[in-house]
Each structure stands twice: as C-alpha cells, then as structure tokens.
C-alpha cells in the first residue's frame, strides 16, 4: 500500500499528471517508484517529459511502466539504450 501511495504522490505531484490521465493508465501505479523516477528524469534530461496526450511529443504513462528499457529508450524517449544506461548510472 505504501508503494502505491508513493507512486501516486510522485506521478501526481512531481510529474503534475492529473487524476484523469492516471485513472486512464493505472498500470503506472503498479510500477516501482524507482523506475518511474528514473524514466521521468531521463525524459526531463531530453526535454521530452510530455505527458499530455493533446500536445506534441506525448509519452504515455503506459510507456513508462510497461516497456522494457530498450523499448522505452528507443521508442518512447526517442534516444538510445546506451544513453539511457549511461544516464541511469548517474542516479
């Protein structure tokens, strides 16, 4: 339960994701807080942390939670697994 609350708090309050988007993609709440933070901060570093489906460069919460690291870094972040791995080591 604590992990769920911590994930919700980070997604809603730090990433500024409204309730409507969270309820539409609830798998994000079952994702570890560490993975959410790591992927969000990577997107921030690339200026790609865009979670509003009505805006360009949209990245879904499902992409943060369900894709493996390769798919996330290449398909969602539009980057490389090498850059993602290097970034991950800095955290």
PDB file of N, CA and C in Angstrom:
ATOM      1  N   UNK A   1       0.824  -1.201   0.000  1.00  0.00           N
ATOM      2  CA  UNK A   1       0.000   0.000   0.000  1.00  0.00           C
ATOM      3  C   UNK A   1       0.863   1.258   0.000  1.00  0.00           C
ATOM      4  N   UNK A   2       1.935   1.242   0.798  1.00  0.00           N
ATOM      5  CA  UNK A   2       2.818   2.405   0.864  1.00  0.00           C
ATOM      6  C   UNK A   2       3.443   2.703  -0.505  1.00  0.00           C
ATOM      7  N   UNK A   3       3.834   1.641  -1.222  1.00  0.00           N
ATOM      8  CA  UNK A   3       4.444   1.820  -2.541  1.00  0.00           C
ATOM      9  C   UNK A   3       3.453   2.450  -3.515  1.00  0.00           C
ATOM     10  N   UNK A   4       2.202   2.033  -3.442  1.00  0.00           N
ATOM     11  CA  UNK A   4       1.164   2.594  -4.307  1.00  0.00           C
ATOM     12  C   UNK A   4       0.973   4.081  -4.030  1.00  0.00           C
ATOM     13  N   UNK A   5       0.909   4.443  -2.766  1.00  0.00           N
ATOM     14  CA  UNK A   5       0.732   5.849  -2.383  1.00  0.00           C
ATOM     15  C   UNK A   5       1.946   6.666  -2.814  1.00  0.00           C
ATOM     16  N   UNK A   6       3.141   6.116  -2.632  1.00  0.00           N
ATOM     17  CA  UNK A   6       4.361   6.828  -3.024  1.00  0.00           C
ATOM     18  C   UNK A   6       4.399   7.045  -4.537  1.00  0.00           C
ATOM     19  N   UNK A   7       4.015   6.032  -5.302  1.00  0.00           N
ATOM     20  CA  UNK A   7       3.979   6.176  -6.763  1.00  0.00           C
ATOM     21  C   UNK A   7       2.947   7.215  -7.178  1.00  0.00           C
ATOM     22  N   UNK A   8       1.759   7.144  -6.581  1.00  0.00           N
ATOM     23  CA  UNK A   8       0.725   8.129  -6.903  1.00  0.00           C
ATOM     24  C   UNK A   8       1.206   9.539  -6.574  1.00  0.00           C
ATOM     25  N   UNK A   9       1.794   9.721  -5.415  1.00  0.00           N
ATOM     26  CA  UNK A   9       2.274  11.038  -4.998  1.00  0.00           C
ATOM     27  C   UNK A   9       3.288  11.590  -5.997  1.00  0.00           C
ATOM     28  N   UNK A  10       4.221  10.772  -6.420  1.00  0.00           N
ATOM     29  CA  UNK A  10       5.244  11.229  -7.359  1.00  0.00           C
ATOM     30  C   UNK A  10       4.627  11.568  -8.718  1.00  0.00           C
ATOM     31  N   UNK A  11       3.795  10.663  -9.226  1.00  0.00           N
ATOM     32  CA  UNK A  11       3.189  10.872 -10.546  1.00  0.00           C
ATOM     33  C   UNK A  11       2.291  12.104 -10.539  1.00  0.00           C
ATOM     34  N   UNK A  12       1.476  12.238  -9.522  1.00  0.00           N
ATOM     35  CA  UNK A  12       0.528  13.351  -9.480  1.00  0.00           C
ATOM     36  C   UNK A  12       1.201  14.672  -9.102  1.00  0.00           C
ATOM     37  N   UNK A  13       1.992  14.678  -8.048  1.00  0.00           N
ATOM     38  CA  UNK A  13       2.525  15.935  -7.523  1.00  0.00           C
ATOM     39  C   UNK A  13       3.851  16.366  -8.129  1.00  0.00           C
ATOM     40  N   UNK A  14       4.728  15.434  -8.453  1.00  0.00           N
ATOM     41  CA  UNK A  14       6.020  15.806  -9.031  1.00  0.00           C
ATOM     42  C   UNK A  14       5.937  15.911 -10.550  1.00  0.00           C
ATOM     43  N   UNK A  15       5.295  14.928 -11.172  1.00  0.00           N
ATOM     44  CA  UNK A  15       5.182  14.927 -12.626  1.00  0.00           C
ATOM     45  C   UNK A  15       3.994  15.757 -13.105  1.00  0.00           C
ATOM     46  N   UNK A  16       3.154  16.178 -12.174  1.00  0.00           N
ATOM     47  CA  UNK A  16       1.978  17.016 -12.478  1.00  0.00           C
ATOM     48  C   UNK A  16       0.980  16.345 -13.416  1.00  0.00           C
ATOM     49  N   UNK A  17       0.761  15.055 -13.203  1.00  0.00           N
ATOM     50  CA  UNK A  17      -0.194  14.307 -14.018  1.00  0.00           C
ATOM     51  C   UNK A  17      -1.562  14.385 -13.352  1.00  0.00           C
ATOM     52  N   UNK A  18      -2.586  14.856 -14.074  1.00  0.00           N
ATOM     53  CA  UNK A  18      -3.923  14.945 -13.478  1.00  0.00           C
ATOM     54  C   UNK A  18      -4.544  13.566 -13.235  1.00  0.00           C
ATOM     55  N   UNK A  19      -5.483  13.534 -12.325  1.00  0.00           N
ATOM     56  CA  UNK A  19      -6.169  12.285 -11.964  1.00  0.00           C
ATOM     57  C   UNK A  19      -6.746  11.576 -13.180  1.00  0.00           C
ATOM     58  N   UNK A  20      -7.298  12.328 -14.116  1.00  0.00           N
ATOM     59  CA  UNK A  20      -7.949  11.733 -15.283  1.00  0.00           C
ATOM     60  C   UNK A  20      -6.976  10.884 -16.096  1.00  0.00           C
ATOM     61  N   UNK A  21      -5.754  11.360 -16.258  1.00  0.00           N
ATOM     62  CA  UNK A  21      -4.768  10.603 -17.031  1.00  0.00           C
ATOM     63  C   UNK A  21      -4.309   9.387 -16.236  1.00  0.00           C
ATOM     64  N   UNK A  22      -4.118   9.552 -14.934  1.00  0.00           N
ATOM     65  CA  UNK A  22      -3.700   8.421 -14.092  1.00  0.00           C
ATOM     66  C   UNK A  22      -4.754   7.318 -14.108  1.00  0.00           C
ATOM     67  N   UNK A  23      -6.020   7.684 -13.981  1.00  0.00           N
ATOM     68  CA  UNK A  23      -7.067   6.655 -13.969  1.00  0.00           C
ATOM     69  C   UNK A  23      -7.209   5.980 -15.333  1.00  0.00           C
ATOM     70  N   UNK A  24      -6.839   6.673 -16.388  1.00  0.00           N
ATOM     71  CA  UNK A  24      -6.881   6.079 -17.719  1.00  0.00           C
ATOM     72  C   UNK A  24      -5.720   5.142 -17.999  1.00  0.00           C
ATOM     73  N   UNK A  25      -4.642   5.267 -17.238  1.00  0.00           N
ATOM     74  CA  UNK A  25      -3.453   4.434 -17.419  1.00  0.00           C
ATOM     75  C   UNK A  25      -2.946   3.981 -16.047  1.00  0.00           C
ATOM     76  N   UNK A  26      -3.754   3.218 -15.319  1.00  0.00           N
ATOM     77  CA  UNK A  26      -3.435   2.895 -13.923  1.00  0.00           C
ATOM     78  C   UNK A  26      -2.228   1.985 -13.729  1.00  0.00           C
ATOM     79  N   UNK A  27      -1.719   1.379 -14.789  1.00  0.00           N
ATOM     80  CA  UNK A  27      -0.557   0.493 -14.625  1.00  0.00           C
ATOM     81  C   UNK A  27       0.650   1.242 -14.067  1.00  0.00           C
ATOM     82  N   UNK A  28       0.670   2.558 -14.233  1.00  0.00           N
ATOM     83  CA  UNK A  28       1.776   3.356 -13.685  1.00  0.00           C
ATOM     84  C   UNK A  28       1.857   3.193 -12.169  1.00  0.00           C
ATOM     85  N   UNK A  29       0.726   2.989 -11.514  1.00  0.00           N
ATOM     86  CA  UNK A  29       0.714   2.882 -10.052  1.00  0.00           C
ATOM     87  C   UNK A  29       1.266   1.546  -9.560  1.00  0.00           C
ATOM     88  N   UNK A  30       1.343   0.565 -10.441  1.00  0.00           N
ATOM     89  CA  UNK A  30       1.919  -0.732 -10.078  1.00  0.00           C
ATOM     90  C   UNK A  30       3.412  -0.798 -10.409  1.00  0.00           C
ATOM     91  N   UNK A  31       3.932   0.286 -10.942  1.00  0.00           N
ATOM     92  CA  UNK A  31       5.342   0.362 -11.316  1.00  0.00           C
ATOM     93  C   UNK A  31       6.153   0.861 -10.132  1.00  0.00           C
ATOM     94  N   UNK A  32       7.354   0.352  -9.992  1.00  0.00           N
ATOM     95  CA  UNK A  32       8.178   0.784  -8.859  1.00  0.00           C
ATOM     96  C   UNK A  32       8.480   2.273  -8.965  1.00  0.00           C
ATOM     97  N   UNK A  33       8.512   2.916  -7.825  1.00  0.00           N
ATOM     98  CA  UNK A  33       8.804   4.348  -7.787  1.00  0.00           C
ATOM     99  C   UNK A  33      10.179   4.619  -8.386  1.00  0.00           C
ATOM    100  N   UNK A  34      11.123   3.744  -8.142  1.00  0.00           N
ATOM    101  CA  UNK A  34      12.473   3.912  -8.694  1.00  0.00           C
ATOM    102  C   UNK A  34      12.438   3.957 -10.220  1.00  0.00           C
ATOM    103  N   UNK A  35      11.689   3.052 -10.834  1.00  0.00           N
ATOM    104  CA  UNK A  35      11.600   3.024 -12.299  1.00  0.00           C
ATOM    105  C   UNK A  35      10.897   4.275 -12.824  1.00  0.00           C
ATOM    106  N   UNK A  36       9.824   4.689 -12.167  1.00  0.00           N
ATOM    107  CA  UNK A  36       9.115   5.900 -12.593  1.00  0.00           C
ATOM    108  C   UNK A  36      10.055   7.096 -12.548  1.00  0.00           C
ATOM    109  N   UNK A  37      10.742   7.267 -11.426  1.00  0.00           N
ATOM    110  CA  UNK A  37      11.663   8.407 -11.277  1.00  0.00           C
ATOM    111  C   UNK A  37      12.763   8.366 -12.325  1.00  0.00           C
ATOM    112  N   UNK A  38      13.373   7.203 -12.488  1.00  0.00           N
ATOM    113  CA  UNK A  38      14.482   7.060 -13.426  1.00  0.00           C
ATOM    114  C   UNK A  38      14.048   7.437 -14.842  1.00  0.00           C
ATOM    115  N   UNK A  39      12.923   6.924 -15.265  1.00  0.00           N
ATOM    116  CA  UNK A  39      12.467   7.196 -16.624  1.00  0.00           C
ATOM    117  C   UNK A  39      11.974   8.632 -16.780  1.00  0.00           C
ATOM    118  N   UNK A  40      11.287   9.145 -15.775  1.00  0.00           N
ATOM    119  CA  UNK A  40      10.836  10.535 -15.836  1.00  0.00           C
ATOM    120  C   UNK A  40      12.034  11.479 -15.915  1.00  0.00           C
ATOM    121  N   UNK A  41      13.024  11.275 -15.061  1.00  0.00           N
ATOM    122  CA  UNK A  41      14.199  12.151 -15.063  1.00  0.00           C
ATOM    123  C   UNK A  41      14.983  12.043 -16.368  1.00  0.00           C
ATOM    124  N   UNK A  42      15.007  10.865 -16.964  1.00  0.00           N
ATOM    125  CA  UNK A  42      15.647  10.715 -18.269  1.00  0.00           C
ATOM    126  C   UNK A  42      14.905  11.544 -19.313  1.00  0.00           C
ATOM    127  N   UNK A  43      13.584  11.464 -19.306  1.00  0.00           N
ATOM    128  CA  UNK A  43      12.800  12.274 -20.242  1.00  0.00           C
ATOM    129  C   UNK A  43      13.002  13.765 -19.987  1.00  0.00           C
ATOM    130  N   UNK A  44      13.075  14.162 -18.728  1.00  0.00           N
ATOM    131  CA  UNK A  44      13.335  15.570 -18.394  1.00  0.00           C
ATOM    132  C   UNK A  44      14.677  15.993 -18.988  1.00  0.00           C
ATOM    133  N   UNK A  45      15.691  15.152 -18.852  1.00  0.00           N
ATOM    134  CA  UNK A  45      17.022  15.488 -19.368  1.00  0.00           C
ATOM    135  C   UNK A  45      17.022  15.655 -20.885  1.00  0.00           C
ATOM    136  N   UNK A  46      16.085  15.007 -21.551  1.00  0.00           N
ATOM    137  CA  UNK A  46      15.960  15.100 -23.014  1.00  0.00           C
ATOM    138  C   UNK A  46      14.935  16.148 -23.451  1.00  0.00           C
ATOM    139  N   UNK A  47      14.329  16.829 -22.484  1.00  0.00           N
ATOM    140  CA  UNK A  47      13.223  17.760 -22.765  1.00  0.00           C
ATOM    141  C   UNK A  47      12.058  17.054 -23.462  1.00  0.00           C
ATOM    142  N   UNK A  48      11.791  15.818 -23.043  1.00  0.00           N
ATOM    143  CA  UNK A  48      10.698  15.033 -23.631  1.00  0.00           C
ATOM    144  C   UNK A  48       9.684  14.575 -22.594  1.00  0.00           C
ATOM    145  N   UNK A  49       9.675  15.170 -21.423  1.00  0.00           N
ATOM    146  CA  UNK A  49       8.730  14.774 -20.367  1.00  0.00           C
ATOM    147  C   UNK A  49       7.376  15.420 -20.637  1.00  0.00           C
ATOM    148  N   UNK A  50       6.692  14.925 -21.657  1.00  0.00           N
ATOM    149  CA  UNK A  50       5.409  15.474 -22.094  1.00  0.00           C
ATOM    150  C   UNK A  50       4.352  14.384 -21.948  1.00  0.00           C
ATOM    151  N   UNK A  51       3.479  14.549 -20.965  1.00  0.00           N
ATOM    152  CA  UNK A  51       2.504  13.504 -20.642  1.00  0.00           C
ATOM    153  C   UNK A  51       1.070  13.892 -20.988  1.00  0.00           C
ATOM    154  N   UNK A  52       0.897  15.008 -21.685  1.00  0.00           N
ATOM    155  CA  UNK A  52      -0.434  15.442 -22.104  1.00  0.00           C
ATOM    156  C   UNK A  52      -0.700  14.904 -23.509  1.00  0.00           C
ATOM    157  N   UNK A  53      -1.684  14.007 -23.657  1.00  0.00           N
ATOM    158  CA  UNK A  53      -1.926  13.401 -24.971  1.00  0.00           C
ATOM    159  C   UNK A  53      -2.372  14.395 -26.040  1.00  0.00           C
ATOM    160  N   UNK A  54      -2.719  15.594 -25.646  1.00  0.00           N
ATOM    161  CA  UNK A  54      -3.169  16.593 -26.612  1.00  0.00           C
ATOM    162  C   UNK A  54      -2.015  17.434 -27.154  1.00  0.00           C
ATOM    163  N   UNK A  55      -0.804  17.219 -26.643  1.00  0.00           N
ATOM    164  CA  UNK A  55       0.352  18.023 -27.048  1.00  0.00           C
ATOM    165  C   UNK A  55       1.367  17.165 -27.798  1.00  0.00           C
ATOM    166  N   UNK A  56       2.219  17.841 -28.595  1.00  0.00           N
ATOM    167  CA  UNK A  56       3.246  17.086 -29.326  1.00  0.00           C
ATOM    168  C   UNK A  56       4.258  16.436 -28.376  1.00  0.00           C
ATOM    169  N   UNK A  57       4.943  15.426 -28.877  1.00  0.00           N
ATOM    170  CA  UNK A  57       5.974  14.686 -28.133  1.00  0.00           C
ATOM    171  C   UNK A  57       5.415  13.919 -26.942  1.00  0.00           C
ATOM    172  N   UNK A  58       4.131  13.597 -26.994  1.00  0.00           N
ATOM    173  CA  UNK A  58       3.453  12.880 -25.914  1.00  0.00           C
ATOM    174  C   UNK A  58       4.114  11.538 -25.625  1.00  0.00           C
ATOM    175  N   UNK A  59       4.341  11.270 -24.337  1.00  0.00           N
ATOM    176  CA  UNK A  59       4.814   9.967 -23.858  1.00  0.00           C
ATOM    177  C   UNK A  59       3.760   9.456 -22.884  1.00  0.00           C
ATOM    178  N   UNK A  60       3.229   8.279 -23.156  1.00  0.00           N
ATOM    179  CA  UNK A  60       2.171   7.744 -22.294  1.00  0.00           C
ATOM    180  C   UNK A  60       2.745   7.209 -20.987  1.00  0.00           C
ATOM    181  N   UNK A  61       1.900   7.198 -19.964  1.00  0.00           N
ATOM    182  CA  UNK A  61       2.301   6.604 -18.692  1.00  0.00           C
ATOM    183  C   UNK A  61       2.519   5.106 -18.861  1.00  0.00           C
ATOM    184  N   UNK A  62       1.778   4.491 -19.767  1.00  0.00           N
ATOM    185  CA  UNK A  62       1.980   3.068 -20.046  1.00  0.00           C
ATOM    186  C   UNK A  62       3.392   2.808 -20.568  1.00  0.00           C
ATOM    187  N   UNK A  63       3.917   3.733 -21.366  1.00  0.00           N
ATOM    188  CA  UNK A  63       5.283   3.578 -21.875  1.00  0.00           C
ATOM    189  C   UNK A  63       6.294   3.622 -20.734  1.00  0.00           C
ATOM    190  N   UNK A  64       6.022   4.433 -19.732  1.00  0.00           N
ATOM    191  CA  UNK A  64       6.915   4.495 -18.570  1.00  0.00           C
ATOM    192  C   UNK A  64       6.861   3.209 -17.764  1.00  0.00           C
ATOM    193  N   UNK A  65       5.701   2.590 -17.722  1.00  0.00           N
ATOM    194  CA  UNK A  65       5.515   1.464 -16.810  1.00  0.00           C
ATOM    195  C   UNK A  65       5.675   0.090 -17.443  1.00  0.00           C
ATOM    196  N   UNK A  66       5.362  -0.061 -18.703  1.00  0.00           N
ATOM    197  CA  UNK A  66       5.263  -1.408 -19.263  1.00  0.00           C
ATOM    198  C   UNK A  66       6.410  -1.798 -20.193  1.00  0.00           C
ATOM    199  N   UNK A  67       6.991  -0.866 -20.875  1.00  0.00           N
ATOM    200  CA  UNK A  67       8.020  -1.203 -21.855  1.00  0.00           C
ATOM    201  C   UNK A  67       9.321  -1.602 -21.166  1.00  0.00           C
ATOM    202  N   UNK A  68      10.071  -2.499 -21.823  1.00  0.00           N
ATOM    203  CA  UNK A  68      11.392  -2.805 -21.285  1.00  0.00           C
ATOM    204  C   UNK A  68      12.316  -1.613 -21.548  1.00  0.00           C
ATOM    205  N   UNK A  69      13.508  -1.632 -20.984  1.00  0.00           N
ATOM    206  CA  UNK A  69      14.403  -0.477 -21.099  1.00  0.00           C
ATOM    207  C   UNK A  69      14.730  -0.133 -22.545  1.00  0.00           C
ATOM    208  N   UNK A  70      14.958  -1.141 -23.371  1.00  0.00           N
ATOM    209  CA  UNK A  70      15.282  -0.874 -24.770  1.00  0.00           C
ATOM    210  C   UNK A  70      14.121  -0.181 -25.468  1.00  0.00           C
ATOM    211  N   UNK A  71      12.920  -0.757 -25.346  1.00  0.00           N
ATOM    212  CA  UNK A  71      11.752  -0.158 -25.993  1.00  0.00           C
ATOM    213  C   UNK A  71      11.482   1.238 -25.454  1.00  0.00           C
ATOM    214  N   UNK A  72      11.607   1.407 -24.140  1.00  0.00           N
ATOM    215  CA  UNK A  72      11.383   2.732 -23.565  1.00  0.00           C
ATOM    216  C   UNK A  72      12.369   3.740 -24.140  1.00  0.00           C
ATOM    217  N   UNK A  73      13.647   3.424 -24.114  1.00  0.00           N
ATOM    218  CA  UNK A  73      14.656   4.404 -24.531  1.00  0.00           C
ATOM    219  C   UNK A  73      14.584   4.717 -26.020  1.00  0.00           C
ATOM    220  N   UNK A  74      14.329   3.711 -26.837  1.00  0.00           N
ATOM    221  CA  UNK A  74      14.317   3.921 -28.284  1.00  0.00           C
ATOM    222  C   UNK A  74      12.961   4.422 -28.779  1.00  0.00           C
ATOM    223  N   UNK A  75      11.888   3.739 -28.397  1.00  0.00           N
ATOM    224  CA  UNK A  75      10.569   4.069 -28.940  1.00  0.00           C
ATOM    225  C   UNK A  75       9.904   5.248 -28.236  1.00  0.00           C
ATOM    226  N   UNK A  76       9.977   5.291 -26.921  1.00  0.00           N
ATOM    227  CA  UNK A  76       9.271   6.344 -26.184  1.00  0.00           C
ATOM    228  C   UNK A  76      10.113   7.595 -25.997  1.00  0.00           C
ATOM    229  N   UNK A  77      11.385   7.409 -25.618  1.00  0.00           N
ATOM    230  CA  UNK A  77      12.254   8.560 -25.361  1.00  0.00           C
ATOM    231  C   UNK A  77      12.939   9.048 -26.635  1.00  0.00           C
ATOM    232  N   UNK A  78      12.854   8.264 -27.709  1.00  0.00           N
ATOM    233  CA  UNK A  78      13.491   8.614 -28.987  1.00  0.00           C
ATOM    234  C   UNK A  78      14.987   8.843 -28.789  1.00  0.00           C
ATOM    235  N   UNK A  79      15.599   7.943 -28.042  1.00  0.00           N
ATOM    236  CA  UNK A  79      17.013   8.045 -27.720  1.00  0.00           C
ATOM    237  C   UNK A  79      17.655   6.683 -27.982  1.00  0.00           C
ATOM    238  N   UNK A  80      18.690   6.357 -27.236  1.00  0.00           N
ATOM    239  CA  UNK A  80      19.349   5.058 -27.397  1.00  0.00           C
ATOM    240  C   UNK A  80      19.453   4.364 -26.050  1.00  0.00           C
ATOM    241  N   UNK A  81      19.567   3.058 -26.098  1.00  0.00           N
ATOM    242  CA  UNK A  81      19.722   2.298 -24.862  1.00  0.00           C
ATOM    243  C   UNK A  81      21.057   2.647 -24.200  1.00  0.00           C
ATOM    244  N   UNK A  82      22.070   2.961 -24.991  1.00  0.00           N
ATOM    245  CA  UNK A  82      23.370   3.321 -24.429  1.00  0.00           C
ATOM    246  C   UNK A  82      23.272   4.613 -23.619  1.00  0.00           C
ATOM    247  N   UNK A  83      22.585   5.602 -24.156  1.00  0.00           N
ATOM    248  CA  UNK A  83      22.427   6.866 -23.435  1.00  0.00           C
ATOM    249  C   UNK A  83      21.582   6.667 -22.181  1.00  0.00           C
ATOM    250  N   UNK A  84      20.542   5.855 -22.285  1.00  0.00           N
ATOM    251  CA  UNK A  84      19.697   5.581 -21.119  1.00  0.00           C
ATOM    252  C   UNK A  84      20.491   4.862 -20.032  1.00  0.00           C
ATOM    253  N   UNK A  85      21.276   3.871 -20.425  1.00  0.00           N
ATOM    254  CA  UNK A  85      22.092   3.146 -19.448  1.00  0.00           C
ATOM    255  C   UNK A  85      23.105   4.074 -18.785  1.00  0.00           C
ATOM    256  N   UNK A  86      23.742   4.933 -19.576  1.00  0.00           N
ATOM    257  CA  UNK A  86      24.719   5.878 -19.015  1.00  0.00           C
ATOM    258  C   UNK A  86      24.031   6.840 -18.054  1.00  0.00           C
ATOM    259  N   UNK A  87      22.852   7.331 -18.431  1.00  0.00           N
ATOM    260  CA  UNK A  87      22.100   8.233 -17.551  1.00  0.00           C
ATOM    261  C   UNK A  87      21.723   7.524 -16.257  1.00  0.00           C
ATOM    262  N   UNK A  88      21.278   6.292 -16.363  1.00  0.00           N
ATOM    263  CA  UNK A  88      20.844   5.524 -15.192  1.00  0.00           C
ATOM    264  C   UNK A  88      21.964   5.366 -14.170  1.00  0.00           C
ATOM    265  N   UNK A  89      23.183   5.274 -14.640  1.00  0.00           N
ATOM    266  CA  UNK A  89      24.331   5.112 -13.738  1.00  0.00           C
ATOM    267  C   UNK A  89      24.643   6.387 -12.964  1.00  0.00           C
ATOM    268  N   UNK A  90      24.104   7.520 -13.410  1.00  0.00           N
ATOM    269  CA  UNK A  90      24.363   8.786 -12.710  1.00  0.00           C
ATOM    270  C   UNK A  90      23.408   9.007 -11.551  1.00  0.00           C
ATOM    271  N   UNK A  91      22.360   8.199 -11.458  1.00  0.00           N
ATOM    272  CA  UNK A  91      21.360   8.385 -10.404  1.00  0.00           C
ATOM    273  C   UNK A  91      21.749   7.675  -9.126  1.00  0.00           C
TER     274      UNK A  91
END
